[in-house]
Amino acid sequence: MKITLNIWRQANASSKGAMQKYDLDDVSEDMSFLEMLDLLNENLNEKGEDPVAFDSDCREGICGTCSLMINGEAHGPEVTTTCQLHMRSFKDGDTITVEPWRAEPFPVLKDLIVDRSAFDRIIQSGGYISVNTGSAPEANNLPVEKAKADRAFDVATCIGCGACVAACPNGSASLFLGAKITHLGELPQGQPERESRVVDMVAQHDHEGFGGCTNIGECTAACPKGIPLDVISQLNKDLRTAMLHGR
């Protein structure tokens, strides 16, 4: 395949960026999108040019590190992570536009790499349980209803990639936040701090500059793990309960 790439290039966080065009030949349809970018960088290195900086880690769709806007869609045309997107999803002669996440709380560091530490600070504000676990407890000490266990497991699959923020017209992280709140809120271990958790995490979310949710649904449509929109309803329900109790 032969493709044309329009890629956002930006030297550092303080410099002004711009789109740059690259032509790439000999692209196999079996390559992942990141392997295609590796091929581009090999060509740039051979020419003595600065390679395109982009994030990646596991390349197995688990870690959420590889996060790109591809032709205006978070992670590209398939509902998957960028590393699991393959070039067979494109056609010979296609022009592909590649950009970093576009959200104020995710500032660009270089080229396609953004700083997503805002998510870390949201988790640090309350996305945990405060218990002294000691040695591993007996598995059956705390019975959990199967429906709740399944629900907690399903929403815990959120990998924090940020696609929900990038896809949302408001730049909201409510799907990410709702997944974390619902995950811990379904389990008995999460009950003692349930109300303080939601208040603190929502406050941090707003402090970081993420927008509000207006239930458009672009977030869940772009989510590679299929986190459902109703976690935002659970988030709002828990927040209202906490406020009624004077939190």
C-alpha atoms as a PDB file:
ATOM      1  CA  MET A   1       0.000   0.000   0.000  1.00  0.00           C
ATOM      2  CA  LYS A   2       0.969   3.588  -0.553  1.00  0.00           C
ATOM      3  CA  ILE A   3      -0.433   6.145   1.840  1.00  0.00           C
ATOM      4  CA  THR A   4      -0.085   9.827   2.590  1.00  0.00           C
ATOM      5  CA  LEU A   5       0.159  10.942   6.200  1.00  0.00           C
ATOM      6  CA  ASN A   6      -0.678  14.360   7.570  1.00  0.00           C
ATOM      7  CA  ILE A   7       0.858  14.344  11.050  1.00  0.00           C
ATOM      8  CA  TRP A   8       0.885  16.951  13.792  1.00  0.00           C
ATOM      9  CA  ARG A   9       4.481  17.963  14.558  1.00  0.00           C
ATOM     10  CA  GLN A  10       5.325  20.033  17.620  1.00  0.00           C
ATOM     11  CA  ALA A  11       8.829  20.325  19.041  1.00  0.00           C
ATOM     12  CA  ASN A  12       7.795  20.787  22.676  1.00  0.00           C
ATOM     13  CA  ALA A  13       4.983  21.973  24.945  1.00  0.00           C
ATOM     14  CA  SER A  14       5.793  25.664  24.492  1.00  0.00           C
ATOM     15  CA  SER A  15       6.331  25.716  20.734  1.00  0.00           C
ATOM     16  CA  LYS A  16       3.742  26.143  18.000  1.00  0.00           C
ATOM     17  CA  GLY A  17       2.859  23.015  16.062  1.00  0.00           C
ATOM     18  CA  ALA A  18       1.748  22.382  12.502  1.00  0.00           C
ATOM     19  CA  MET A  19       0.647  19.550  10.227  1.00  0.00           C
ATOM     20  CA  GLN A  20       3.365  17.955   8.112  1.00  0.00           C
ATOM     21  CA  LYS A  21       2.883  15.705   5.090  1.00  0.00           C
ATOM     22  CA  TYR A  22       4.685  12.382   4.549  1.00  0.00           C
ATOM     23  CA  ASP A  23       4.389   9.838   1.735  1.00  0.00           C
ATOM     24  CA  LEU A  24       4.924   6.229   2.724  1.00  0.00           C
ATOM     25  CA  ASP A  25       5.339   3.245   0.403  1.00  0.00           C
ATOM     26  CA  ASP A  26       5.454  -0.504   1.037  1.00  0.00           C
ATOM     27  CA  VAL A  27       2.898  -0.458   3.827  1.00  0.00           C
ATOM     28  CA  SER A  28       1.536  -3.925   4.508  1.00  0.00           C
ATOM     29  CA  GLU A  29      -2.145  -4.268   5.311  1.00  0.00           C
ATOM     30  CA  ASP A  30      -1.089  -6.644   8.097  1.00  0.00           C
ATOM     31  CA  MET A  31       0.849  -3.915   9.906  1.00  0.00           C
ATOM     32  CA  SER A  32      -0.660  -2.348  12.967  1.00  0.00           C
ATOM     33  CA  PHE A  33      -1.060   1.419  12.852  1.00  0.00           C
ATOM     34  CA  LEU A  34       1.880   1.806  15.231  1.00  0.00           C
ATOM     35  CA  GLU A  35       4.050  -0.488  13.105  1.00  0.00           C
ATOM     36  CA  MET A  36       3.252   1.783  10.177  1.00  0.00           C
ATOM     37  CA  LEU A  37       4.463   4.756  12.249  1.00  0.00           C
ATOM     38  CA  ASP A  38       7.584   2.741  13.144  1.00  0.00           C
ATOM     39  CA  LEU A  39       8.224   2.314   9.407  1.00  0.00           C
ATOM     40  CA  LEU A  40       7.830   6.044   8.893  1.00  0.00           C
ATOM     41  CA  ASN A  41      10.302   6.760  11.698  1.00  0.00           C
ATOM     42  CA  GLU A  42      12.827   4.326  10.240  1.00  0.00           C
ATOM     43  CA  ASN A  43      12.652   6.278   6.971  1.00  0.00           C
ATOM     44  CA  LEU A  44      13.007   9.590   8.803  1.00  0.00           C
ATOM     45  CA  ASN A  45      16.009   8.312  10.765  1.00  0.00           C
ATOM     46  CA  GLU A  46      17.685   7.212   7.534  1.00  0.00           C
ATOM     47  CA  LYS A  47      17.225  10.748   6.195  1.00  0.00           C
ATOM     48  CA  GLY A  48      18.596  12.296   9.397  1.00  0.00           C
ATOM     49  CA  GLU A  49      15.229  13.828  10.272  1.00  0.00           C
ATOM     50  CA  ASP A  50      13.573  13.932  13.671  1.00  0.00           C
ATOM     51  CA  PRO A  51      11.251  10.905  14.086  1.00  0.00           C
ATOM     52  CA  VAL A  52       7.609  11.375  15.032  1.00  0.00           C
ATOM     53  CA  ALA A  53       7.148  11.078  18.792  1.00  0.00           C
ATOM     54  CA  PHE A  54       4.179   8.984  19.893  1.00  0.00           C
ATOM     55  CA  ASP A  55       3.230   6.974  22.970  1.00  0.00           C
ATOM     56  CA  SER A  56       3.123   3.184  23.077  1.00  0.00           C
ATOM     57  CA  ASP A  57       3.802   0.457  25.606  1.00  0.00           C
ATOM     58  CA  CYS A  58       2.156  -2.972  25.650  1.00  0.00           C
ATOM     59  CA  ARG A  59       0.835  -2.842  22.072  1.00  0.00           C
ATOM     60  CA  GLU A  60      -1.749  -5.416  23.133  1.00  0.00           C
ATOM     61  CA  GLY A  61      -4.759  -3.157  23.754  1.00  0.00           C
ATOM     62  CA  ILE A  62      -4.320  -3.315  27.526  1.00  0.00           C
ATOM     63  CA  CYS A  63      -2.432  -0.275  28.814  1.00  0.00           C
ATOM     64  CA  GLY A  64      -4.193   2.587  26.993  1.00  0.00           C
ATOM     65  CA  THR A  65      -0.922   4.374  26.270  1.00  0.00           C
ATOM     66  CA  CYS A  66      -1.239   4.558  22.479  1.00  0.00           C
ATOM     67  CA  SER A  67      -3.829   7.268  21.955  1.00  0.00           C
ATOM     68  CA  LEU A  68      -4.198   9.101  18.659  1.00  0.00           C
ATOM     69  CA  MET A  69      -6.850  10.981  16.732  1.00  0.00           C
ATOM     70  CA  ILE A  70      -6.942   9.306  13.316  1.00  0.00           C
ATOM     71  CA  ASN A  71      -8.972  11.072  10.633  1.00  0.00           C
ATOM     72  CA  GLY A  72     -10.807  12.908  13.395  1.00  0.00           C
ATOM     73  CA  GLU A  73     -11.760   9.766  15.327  1.00  0.00           C
ATOM     74  CA  ALA A  74     -10.328   8.662  18.669  1.00  0.00           C
ATOM     75  CA  HIS A  75      -8.211   5.548  17.953  1.00  0.00           C
ATOM     76  CA  GLY A  76      -9.372   5.579  14.316  1.00  0.00           C
ATOM     77  CA  PRO A  77     -12.193   3.968  12.330  1.00  0.00           C
ATOM     78  CA  GLU A  78     -12.456   0.778  14.408  1.00  0.00           C
ATOM     79  CA  VAL A  79     -13.657   0.532  18.028  1.00  0.00           C
ATOM     80  CA  THR A  80     -10.310  -0.582  19.420  1.00  0.00           C
ATOM     81  CA  THR A  81      -7.056   0.861  20.696  1.00  0.00           C
ATOM     82  CA  THR A  82      -4.635   2.440  18.226  1.00  0.00           C
ATOM     83  CA  CYS A  83      -2.163  -0.434  18.640  1.00  0.00           C
ATOM     84  CA  GLN A  84      -4.839  -2.949  17.644  1.00  0.00           C
ATOM     85  CA  LEU A  85      -5.888  -0.951  14.582  1.00  0.00           C
ATOM     86  CA  HIS A  86      -4.450  -2.487  11.419  1.00  0.00           C
ATOM     87  CA  MET A  87      -3.734  -0.952   8.050  1.00  0.00           C
ATOM     88  CA  ARG A  88      -6.297  -3.250   6.421  1.00  0.00           C
ATOM     89  CA  SER A  89      -8.821  -0.721   7.727  1.00  0.00           C
ATOM     90  CA  PHE A  90      -7.479   1.724   5.124  1.00  0.00           C
ATOM     91  CA  LYS A  91      -7.149   1.612   1.345  1.00  0.00           C
ATOM     92  CA  ASP A  92      -4.224   2.007  -1.008  1.00  0.00           C
ATOM     93  CA  GLY A  93      -3.773   5.696  -1.770  1.00  0.00           C
ATOM     94  CA  ASP A  94      -5.563   6.919   1.356  1.00  0.00           C
ATOM     95  CA  THR A  95      -4.611  10.147   3.088  1.00  0.00           C
ATOM     96  CA  ILE A  96      -4.600   9.736   6.856  1.00  0.00           C
ATOM     97  CA  THR A  97      -4.571  12.625   9.311  1.00  0.00           C
ATOM     98  CA  VAL A  98      -2.941  11.849  12.662  1.00  0.00           C
ATOM     99  CA  GLU A  99      -3.235  14.191  15.641  1.00  0.00           C
ATOM    100  CA  PRO A 100      -2.787  14.024  19.418  1.00  0.00           C
ATOM    101  CA  TRP A 101      -5.739  14.085  21.819  1.00  0.00           C
ATOM    102  CA  ARG A 102      -7.341  17.530  21.706  1.00  0.00           C
ATOM    103  CA  ALA A 103      -8.371  18.556  25.217  1.00  0.00           C
ATOM    104  CA  GLU A 104      -7.148  21.375  27.460  1.00  0.00           C
ATOM    105  CA  PRO A 105      -6.344  19.025  30.384  1.00  0.00           C
ATOM    106  CA  PHE A 106      -4.170  16.936  28.002  1.00  0.00           C
ATOM    107  CA  PRO A 107      -1.462  19.400  26.891  1.00  0.00           C
ATOM    108  CA  VAL A 108       0.774  18.329  24.017  1.00  0.00           C
ATOM    109  CA  LEU A 109       4.321  17.501  25.120  1.00  0.00           C
ATOM    110  CA  LYS A 110       5.787  16.674  21.708  1.00  0.00           C
ATOM    111  CA  ASP A 111       4.249  15.722  18.369  1.00  0.00           C
ATOM    112  CA  LEU A 112       1.574  13.109  19.177  1.00  0.00           C
ATOM    113  CA  ILE A 113       2.377  12.731  22.894  1.00  0.00           C
ATOM    114  CA  VAL A 114       0.112  14.394  25.445  1.00  0.00           C
ATOM    115  CA  ASP A 115       0.341  14.680  29.228  1.00  0.00           C
ATOM    116  CA  ARG A 116      -2.499  12.625  30.743  1.00  0.00           C
ATOM    117  CA  SER A 117      -1.397  13.020  34.351  1.00  0.00           C
ATOM    118  CA  ALA A 118      -4.740  14.735  35.039  1.00  0.00           C
ATOM    119  CA  PHE A 119      -6.220  11.217  35.117  1.00  0.00           C
ATOM    120  CA  ASP A 120      -3.619  10.196  37.697  1.00  0.00           C
ATOM    121  CA  ARG A 121      -4.543  13.112  39.915  1.00  0.00           C
ATOM    122  CA  ILE A 122      -8.233  12.205  39.697  1.00  0.00           C
ATOM    123  CA  ILE A 123      -7.412   8.672  40.880  1.00  0.00           C
ATOM    124  CA  GLN A 124      -5.158  10.033  43.623  1.00  0.00           C
ATOM    125  CA  SER A 125      -8.023  12.182  44.893  1.00  0.00           C
ATOM    126  CA  GLY A 126     -10.177   9.169  45.771  1.00  0.00           C
ATOM    127  CA  GLY A 127     -10.013   6.258  43.358  1.00  0.00           C
ATOM    128  CA  TYR A 128      -8.947   3.733  45.962  1.00  0.00           C
ATOM    129  CA  ILE A 129      -9.997   2.088  49.225  1.00  0.00           C
ATOM    130  CA  SER A 130      -8.199   2.884  52.494  1.00  0.00           C
ATOM    131  CA  VAL A 131      -7.772  -0.418  54.289  1.00  0.00           C
ATOM    132  CA  ASN A 132      -4.936  -2.288  55.922  1.00  0.00           C
ATOM    133  CA  THR A 133      -5.121  -5.550  54.032  1.00  0.00           C
ATOM    134  CA  GLY A 134      -2.422  -7.481  55.830  1.00  0.00           C
ATOM    135  CA  SER A 135      -2.066 -10.936  54.374  1.00  0.00           C
ATOM    136  CA  ALA A 136      -4.342 -12.131  51.607  1.00  0.00           C
ATOM    137  CA  PRO A 137      -7.882 -12.509  53.046  1.00  0.00           C
ATOM    138  CA  GLU A 138     -10.035 -15.572  52.619  1.00  0.00           C
ATOM    139  CA  ALA A 139     -11.797 -15.208  49.279  1.00  0.00           C
ATOM    140  CA  ASN A 140     -15.243 -15.939  50.732  1.00  0.00           C
ATOM    141  CA  ASN A 141     -15.007 -13.588  53.721  1.00  0.00           C
ATOM    142  CA  LEU A 142     -16.887 -10.847  51.872  1.00  0.00           C
ATOM    143  CA  PRO A 143     -19.631 -12.336  49.714  1.00  0.00           C
ATOM    144  CA  VAL A 144     -20.468 -10.234  46.663  1.00  0.00           C
ATOM    145  CA  GLU A 145     -23.646 -10.653  44.638  1.00  0.00           C
ATOM    146  CA  LYS A 146     -22.803 -12.016  41.202  1.00  0.00           C
ATOM    147  CA  ALA A 147     -24.580  -9.191  39.382  1.00  0.00           C
ATOM    148  CA  LYS A 148     -22.561  -6.619  41.314  1.00  0.00           C
ATOM    149  CA  ALA A 149     -19.324  -8.545  40.882  1.00  0.00           C
ATOM    150  CA  ASP A 150     -19.920  -8.774  37.131  1.00  0.00           C
ATOM    151  CA  ARG A 151     -20.772  -5.088  36.942  1.00  0.00           C
ATOM    152  CA  ALA A 152     -17.644  -4.101  38.863  1.00  0.00           C
ATOM    153  CA  PHE A 153     -15.502  -6.326  36.643  1.00  0.00           C
ATOM    154  CA  ASP A 154     -17.013  -4.934  33.438  1.00  0.00           C
ATOM    155  CA  VAL A 155     -16.419  -1.278  34.291  1.00  0.00           C
ATOM    156  CA  ALA A 156     -12.974  -2.016  35.751  1.00  0.00           C
ATOM    157  CA  THR A 157     -11.837  -2.794  32.202  1.00  0.00           C
ATOM    158  CA  CYS A 158     -11.441   0.955  31.610  1.00  0.00           C
ATOM    159  CA  ILE A 159      -7.790   1.452  30.631  1.00  0.00           C
ATOM    160  CA  GLY A 160      -7.703   5.236  31.078  1.00  0.00           C
ATOM    161  CA  CYS A 161      -6.698   5.900  27.480  1.00  0.00           C
ATOM    162  CA  GLY A 162      -8.602   9.193  27.284  1.00  0.00           C
ATOM    163  CA  ALA A 163     -10.577   8.418  24.129  1.00  0.00           C
ATOM    164  CA  CYS A 164     -13.762   9.483  25.929  1.00  0.00           C
ATOM    165  CA  VAL A 165     -12.297  12.938  26.531  1.00  0.00           C
ATOM    166  CA  ALA A 166     -10.946  13.271  22.987  1.00  0.00           C
ATOM    167  CA  ALA A 167     -14.276  12.247  21.448  1.00  0.00           C
ATOM    168  CA  CYS A 168     -16.469  14.411  23.694  1.00  0.00           C
ATOM    169  CA  PRO A 169     -17.365  17.848  22.261  1.00  0.00           C
ATOM    170  CA  ASN A 170     -17.218  19.160  25.845  1.00  0.00           C
ATOM    171  CA  GLY A 171     -13.898  17.520  26.690  1.00  0.00           C
ATOM    172  CA  SER A 172     -15.538  15.705  29.602  1.00  0.00           C
ATOM    173  CA  ALA A 173     -13.936  12.791  31.454  1.00  0.00           C
ATOM    174  CA  SER A 174     -17.257  11.697  32.950  1.00  0.00           C
ATOM    175  CA  LEU A 175     -17.113   8.213  31.393  1.00  0.00           C
ATOM    176  CA  PHE A 176     -13.663   7.593  32.868  1.00  0.00           C
ATOM    177  CA  LEU A 177     -14.766   9.036  36.206  1.00  0.00           C
ATOM    178  CA  GLY A 178     -18.031   7.101  36.195  1.00  0.00           C
ATOM    179  CA  ALA A 179     -16.213   3.832  35.495  1.00  0.00           C
ATOM    180  CA  LYS A 180     -13.919   4.311  38.485  1.00  0.00           C
ATOM    181  CA  ILE A 181     -16.762   5.387  40.795  1.00  0.00           C
ATOM    182  CA  THR A 182     -19.002   2.494  39.717  1.00  0.00           C
ATOM    183  CA  HIS A 183     -16.218  -0.091  39.966  1.00  0.00           C
ATOM    184  CA  LEU A 184     -15.529   0.653  43.642  1.00  0.00           C
ATOM    185  CA  GLY A 185     -19.139   1.515  44.446  1.00  0.00           C
ATOM    186  CA  GLU A 186     -20.362  -1.958  43.509  1.00  0.00           C
ATOM    187  CA  LEU A 187     -18.025  -3.725  45.939  1.00  0.00           C
ATOM    188  CA  PRO A 188     -18.403  -3.965  49.742  1.00  0.00           C
ATOM    189  CA  GLN A 189     -14.810  -2.769  50.220  1.00  0.00           C
ATOM    190  CA  GLY A 190     -15.716   0.510  48.553  1.00  0.00           C
ATOM    191  CA  GLN A 191     -18.704   1.409  50.714  1.00  0.00           C
ATOM    192  CA  PRO A 192     -17.046   3.218  53.694  1.00  0.00           C
ATOM    193  CA  GLU A 193     -15.593   5.935  51.448  1.00  0.00           C
ATOM    194  CA  ARG A 194     -18.257   5.876  48.759  1.00  0.00           C
ATOM    195  CA  GLU A 195     -19.614   9.369  49.353  1.00  0.00           C
ATOM    196  CA  SER A 196     -16.336  11.150  50.072  1.00  0.00           C
ATOM    197  CA  ARG A 197     -14.815   9.401  47.063  1.00  0.00           C
ATOM    198  CA  VAL A 198     -17.313  10.715  44.545  1.00  0.00           C
ATOM    199  CA  VAL A 199     -17.212  14.255  45.945  1.00  0.00           C
ATOM    200  CA  ASP A 200     -13.407  14.416  45.917  1.00  0.00           C
ATOM    201  CA  MET A 201     -13.009  12.844  42.481  1.00  0.00           C
ATOM    202  CA  VAL A 202     -15.636  15.077  40.851  1.00  0.00           C
ATOM    203  CA  ALA A 203     -13.994  18.140  42.427  1.00  0.00           C
ATOM    204  CA  GLN A 204     -10.613  17.085  41.016  1.00  0.00           C
ATOM    205  CA  HIS A 205     -12.171  16.384  37.612  1.00  0.00           C
ATOM    206  CA  ASP A 206     -13.551  19.909  37.497  1.00  0.00           C
ATOM    207  CA  HIS A 207     -10.333  21.411  38.863  1.00  0.00           C
ATOM    208  CA  GLU A 208      -8.351  19.822  36.036  1.00  0.00           C
ATOM    209  CA  GLY A 209     -10.513  21.667  33.501  1.00  0.00           C
ATOM    210  CA  PHE A 210     -12.543  18.809  32.044  1.00  0.00           C
ATOM    211  CA  GLY A 211     -15.940  19.811  30.691  1.00  0.00           C
ATOM    212  CA  GLY A 212     -19.373  18.783  31.869  1.00  0.00           C
ATOM    213  CA  CYS A 213     -21.364  15.868  30.467  1.00  0.00           C
ATOM    214  CA  THR A 214     -24.387  16.582  28.282  1.00  0.00           C
ATOM    215  CA  ASN A 215     -25.125  12.915  27.453  1.00  0.00           C
ATOM    216  CA  ILE A 216     -24.170  13.109  23.776  1.00  0.00           C
ATOM    217  CA  GLY A 217     -22.721   9.588  23.903  1.00  0.00           C
ATOM    218  CA  GLU A 218     -19.611  10.124  21.786  1.00  0.00           C
ATOM    219  CA  CYS A 219     -17.530   8.909  24.724  1.00  0.00           C
ATOM    220  CA  THR A 220     -18.966   5.418  24.919  1.00  0.00           C
ATOM    221  CA  ALA A 221     -19.020   5.131  21.113  1.00  0.00           C
ATOM    222  CA  ALA A 222     -15.253   5.728  21.048  1.00  0.00           C
ATOM    223  CA  CYS A 223     -14.391   3.662  24.130  1.00  0.00           C
ATOM    224  CA  PRO A 224     -12.264   0.659  23.098  1.00  0.00           C
ATOM    225  CA  LYS A 225     -13.489  -1.282  26.140  1.00  0.00           C
ATOM    226  CA  GLY A 226     -17.181  -0.543  25.655  1.00  0.00           C
ATOM    227  CA  ILE A 227     -17.748   1.195  28.982  1.00  0.00           C
ATOM    228  CA  PRO A 228     -21.512   1.915  29.006  1.00  0.00           C
ATOM    229  CA  LEU A 229     -22.983   5.384  29.327  1.00  0.00           C
ATOM    230  CA  ASP A 230     -24.979   4.430  32.428  1.00  0.00           C
ATOM    231  CA  VAL A 231     -21.853   4.671  34.604  1.00  0.00           C
ATOM    232  CA  ILE A 232     -22.319   8.440  34.296  1.00  0.00           C
ATOM    233  CA  SER A 233     -25.850   8.050  35.668  1.00  0.00           C
ATOM    234  CA  GLN A 234     -24.399   6.101  38.607  1.00  0.00           C
ATOM    235  CA  LEU A 235     -21.809   8.825  39.103  1.00  0.00           C
ATOM    236  CA  ASN A 236     -24.516  11.504  39.246  1.00  0.00           C
ATOM    237  CA  LYS A 237     -26.668   9.394  41.553  1.00  0.00           C
ATOM    238  CA  ASP A 238     -23.804   8.853  44.009  1.00  0.00           C
ATOM    239  CA  LEU A 239     -22.912  12.545  43.883  1.00  0.00           C
ATOM    240  CA  ARG A 240     -26.486  13.631  44.646  1.00  0.00           C
ATOM    241  CA  THR A 241     -26.665  11.176  47.555  1.00  0.00           C
ATOM    242  CA  ALA A 242     -23.397  12.486  48.989  1.00  0.00           C
ATOM    243  CA  MET A 243     -24.562  16.101  48.705  1.00  0.00           C
ATOM    244  CA  LEU A 244     -27.863  15.283  50.414  1.00  0.00           C
ATOM    245  CA  HIS A 245     -25.834  13.843  53.272  1.00  0.00           C
ATOM    246  CA  GLY A 246     -23.846  17.065  53.554  1.00  0.00           C
ATOM    247  CA  ARG A 247     -20.590  15.912  51.991  1.00  0.00           C
END
